[in-house]
Structures are given as C-alpha cells and as structure tokens.
Amino acid sequence: MATLDIEFENSNGKEQHLRLKDFSMRNSAAELKATLEKFTLLNLFEKDGVGLYKKLKHATICLLYTSI
C-alpha cells in the first residue's frame, strides 16, 4: 500500500500536510508535480480565513509492506 504525503505552505507561511492513502504510482513524477501545482491555484480550502494549500513544498511516497 502506498501513501502520498504532500507538504504545502499555507497563506500564513506554515506547513500543511495532505495525505492520500492507496495512492497509485501510474503517473510520472513530472505529471504528479504539475497536477499538485494546479491544485494550489484552486483556492478551495480555507480554515479560519487561512488558505490551506497555497504553495507546494514537496511530496513523499510512503510504502508499507505487510508480511503474511
């Protein structure tokens, strides 16, 4: 199982994480980065007047292997 951990900067300059579980690794890193950059332009998410996902900082793919 793969989880994508994306770190953004919010409009106050603090870090904000978004984690996507069961992430599919079909797309290239360049395609993923382009998509996440577009995500920052949407201005959909706000909490107490602070824009949550304003600038992409980095993303990490975390793989979890379970032994049977």
N, C-alpha and C. Protein backbone atom coordinates (compact mmCIF):
# COMPACT_ATOMS: atom_id res chain seq x y z
N MET A 1 0.85 -1.17 0.00
CA MET A 1 0.00 0.00 0.00
C MET A 1 0.90 1.24 0.00
N ALA A 2 0.55 2.21 -0.83
CA ALA A 2 1.33 3.45 -0.92
C ALA A 2 0.49 4.62 -0.42
N THR A 3 1.15 5.52 0.30
CA THR A 3 0.53 6.76 0.75
C THR A 3 1.36 7.91 0.23
N LEU A 4 0.70 8.90 -0.34
CA LEU A 4 1.38 10.09 -0.81
C LEU A 4 1.23 11.17 0.26
N ASP A 5 2.34 11.63 0.81
CA ASP A 5 2.35 12.68 1.83
C ASP A 5 2.84 13.96 1.15
N ILE A 6 1.94 14.92 1.01
CA ILE A 6 2.24 16.16 0.30
C ILE A 6 2.35 17.28 1.33
N GLU A 7 3.42 18.04 1.26
CA GLU A 7 3.60 19.18 2.16
C GLU A 7 3.42 20.47 1.37
N PHE A 8 2.49 21.28 1.85
CA PHE A 8 2.22 22.59 1.27
C PHE A 8 2.57 23.66 2.29
N GLU A 9 2.60 24.89 1.83
CA GLU A 9 2.71 26.05 2.71
C GLU A 9 1.36 26.75 2.66
N ASN A 10 0.82 27.11 3.83
CA ASN A 10 -0.46 27.81 3.82
C ASN A 10 -0.22 29.31 3.66
N SER A 11 -1.29 30.10 3.64
CA SER A 11 -1.14 31.53 3.40
C SER A 11 -0.47 32.26 4.56
N ASN A 12 -0.33 31.61 5.72
CA ASN A 12 0.41 32.19 6.85
C ASN A 12 1.88 31.78 6.85
N GLY A 13 2.29 30.96 5.88
CA GLY A 13 3.68 30.51 5.80
C GLY A 13 3.98 29.26 6.61
N LYS A 14 2.95 28.65 7.20
CA LYS A 14 3.15 27.43 7.99
C LYS A 14 2.93 26.21 7.11
N GLU A 15 3.51 25.06 7.54
CA GLU A 15 3.36 23.84 6.75
C GLU A 15 2.00 23.22 6.96
N GLN A 16 1.49 22.63 5.88
CA GLN A 16 0.19 21.98 5.88
C GLN A 16 0.34 20.69 5.09
N HIS A 17 -0.03 19.55 5.68
CA HIS A 17 0.12 18.25 5.01
C HIS A 17 -1.22 17.76 4.49
N LEU A 18 -1.15 17.06 3.38
CA LEU A 18 -2.28 16.35 2.81
C LEU A 18 -1.79 14.94 2.51
N ARG A 19 -2.47 13.93 3.05
CA ARG A 19 -2.05 12.54 2.84
C ARG A 19 -3.12 11.79 2.06
N LEU A 20 -2.70 11.17 0.97
CA LEU A 20 -3.60 10.39 0.13
C LEU A 20 -3.24 8.92 0.27
N LYS A 21 -4.15 8.14 0.83
CA LYS A 21 -3.90 6.71 1.04
C LYS A 21 -4.27 5.93 -0.22
N ASP A 22 -3.70 4.74 -0.36
CA ASP A 22 -3.91 3.87 -1.53
C ASP A 22 -3.59 4.61 -2.82
N PHE A 23 -2.49 5.34 -2.80
CA PHE A 23 -2.05 6.15 -3.93
C PHE A 23 -1.53 5.25 -5.05
N SER A 24 -1.96 5.52 -6.27
CA SER A 24 -1.50 4.76 -7.44
C SER A 24 -0.27 5.45 -8.03
N MET A 25 0.76 4.69 -8.32
CA MET A 25 2.00 5.26 -8.84
C MET A 25 2.08 5.12 -10.36
N ARG A 26 0.96 5.29 -11.06
CA ARG A 26 0.92 5.17 -12.51
C ARG A 26 1.54 6.37 -13.22
N ASN A 27 1.43 7.55 -12.64
CA ASN A 27 1.91 8.77 -13.28
C ASN A 27 3.37 9.04 -12.94
N SER A 28 4.04 9.77 -13.82
CA SER A 28 5.44 10.12 -13.58
C SER A 28 5.52 11.22 -12.53
N ALA A 29 6.71 11.44 -12.02
CA ALA A 29 6.93 12.49 -11.02
C ALA A 29 6.60 13.86 -11.61
N ALA A 30 6.93 14.09 -12.87
CA ALA A 30 6.65 15.38 -13.52
C ALA A 30 5.15 15.61 -13.64
N GLU A 31 4.39 14.57 -13.99
CA GLU A 31 2.93 14.69 -14.09
C GLU A 31 2.32 14.97 -12.72
N LEU A 32 2.81 14.29 -11.71
CA LEU A 32 2.31 14.49 -10.36
C LEU A 32 2.59 15.91 -9.88
N LYS A 33 3.80 16.39 -10.11
CA LYS A 33 4.15 17.75 -9.70
C LYS A 33 3.27 18.78 -10.41
N ALA A 34 3.04 18.61 -11.71
CA ALA A 34 2.19 19.54 -12.46
C ALA A 34 0.77 19.56 -11.90
N THR A 35 0.25 18.39 -11.57
CA THR A 35 -1.10 18.29 -11.01
C THR A 35 -1.18 18.98 -9.65
N LEU A 36 -0.18 18.76 -8.80
CA LEU A 36 -0.18 19.37 -7.47
C LEU A 36 0.00 20.89 -7.55
N GLU A 37 0.76 21.36 -8.53
CA GLU A 37 0.90 22.81 -8.72
C GLU A 37 -0.44 23.42 -9.12
N LYS A 38 -1.20 22.73 -9.97
CA LYS A 38 -2.54 23.21 -10.36
C LYS A 38 -3.47 23.23 -9.15
N PHE A 39 -3.32 22.24 -8.28
CA PHE A 39 -4.14 22.15 -7.06
C PHE A 39 -4.00 23.41 -6.21
N THR A 40 -2.78 23.98 -6.15
CA THR A 40 -2.55 25.18 -5.33
C THR A 40 -3.28 26.39 -5.89
N LEU A 41 -3.62 26.38 -7.17
CA LEU A 41 -4.29 27.52 -7.80
C LEU A 41 -5.80 27.52 -7.59
N LEU A 42 -6.36 26.42 -7.08
CA LEU A 42 -7.81 26.29 -6.96
C LEU A 42 -8.43 27.15 -5.87
N ASN A 43 -7.71 27.41 -4.79
CA ASN A 43 -8.22 28.22 -3.67
C ASN A 43 -9.53 27.67 -3.11
N LEU A 44 -9.62 26.36 -2.97
CA LEU A 44 -10.85 25.72 -2.47
C LEU A 44 -10.87 25.55 -0.96
N PHE A 45 -9.72 25.42 -0.34
CA PHE A 45 -9.66 25.03 1.06
C PHE A 45 -9.19 26.19 1.93
N GLU A 46 -10.02 26.51 2.94
CA GLU A 46 -9.72 27.61 3.85
C GLU A 46 -10.22 27.23 5.24
N LYS A 47 -9.46 27.62 6.25
CA LYS A 47 -9.87 27.36 7.63
C LYS A 47 -9.58 28.62 8.44
N ASP A 48 -10.59 29.17 9.06
CA ASP A 48 -10.47 30.39 9.87
C ASP A 48 -9.78 31.51 9.10
N GLY A 49 -10.12 31.66 7.82
CA GLY A 49 -9.56 32.73 7.00
C GLY A 49 -8.16 32.47 6.45
N VAL A 50 -7.62 31.28 6.68
CA VAL A 50 -6.27 30.94 6.22
C VAL A 50 -6.39 29.95 5.06
N GLY A 51 -5.82 30.29 3.90
CA GLY A 51 -5.77 29.38 2.76
C GLY A 51 -4.82 28.23 3.08
N LEU A 52 -5.28 26.99 2.94
CA LEU A 52 -4.51 25.84 3.43
C LEU A 52 -3.42 25.35 2.48
N TYR A 53 -3.67 25.31 1.20
CA TYR A 53 -2.72 24.69 0.27
C TYR A 53 -2.28 25.72 -0.77
N LYS A 54 -1.43 26.65 -0.39
CA LYS A 54 -1.07 27.77 -1.25
C LYS A 54 0.20 27.56 -2.06
N LYS A 55 1.16 26.80 -1.53
CA LYS A 55 2.43 26.60 -2.23
C LYS A 55 2.91 25.18 -1.99
N LEU A 56 3.23 24.48 -3.07
CA LEU A 56 3.74 23.12 -2.97
C LEU A 56 5.19 23.16 -2.50
N LYS A 57 5.48 22.41 -1.43
CA LYS A 57 6.86 22.33 -0.94
C LYS A 57 7.51 21.03 -1.42
N HIS A 58 6.91 19.88 -1.11
CA HIS A 58 7.41 18.59 -1.59
C HIS A 58 6.39 17.50 -1.34
N ALA A 59 6.64 16.36 -1.95
CA ALA A 59 5.76 15.19 -1.76
C ALA A 59 6.63 13.96 -1.58
N THR A 60 6.16 13.04 -0.74
CA THR A 60 6.89 11.81 -0.45
C THR A 60 5.93 10.63 -0.60
N ILE A 61 6.40 9.58 -1.25
CA ILE A 61 5.61 8.36 -1.35
C ILE A 61 6.09 7.41 -0.26
N CYS A 62 5.17 6.99 0.60
CA CYS A 62 5.49 6.07 1.70
C CYS A 62 4.90 4.70 1.35
N LEU A 63 5.75 3.70 1.33
CA LEU A 63 5.30 2.34 1.03
C LEU A 63 5.26 1.52 2.30
N LEU A 64 4.20 0.76 2.47
CA LEU A 64 4.04 -0.09 3.64
C LEU A 64 3.91 -1.53 3.17
N TYR A 65 4.80 -2.36 3.63
CA TYR A 65 4.76 -3.78 3.30
C TYR A 65 4.36 -4.56 4.54
N THR A 66 3.42 -5.47 4.36
CA THR A 66 2.95 -6.29 5.47
C THR A 66 3.33 -7.75 5.20
N SER A 67 3.97 -8.39 6.16
CA SER A 67 4.30 -9.81 5.99
C SER A 67 3.09 -10.66 6.35
N ILE A 68 3.02 -11.75 5.67
CA ILE A 68 1.89 -12.67 5.90
C ILE A 68 2.40 -13.89 6.63
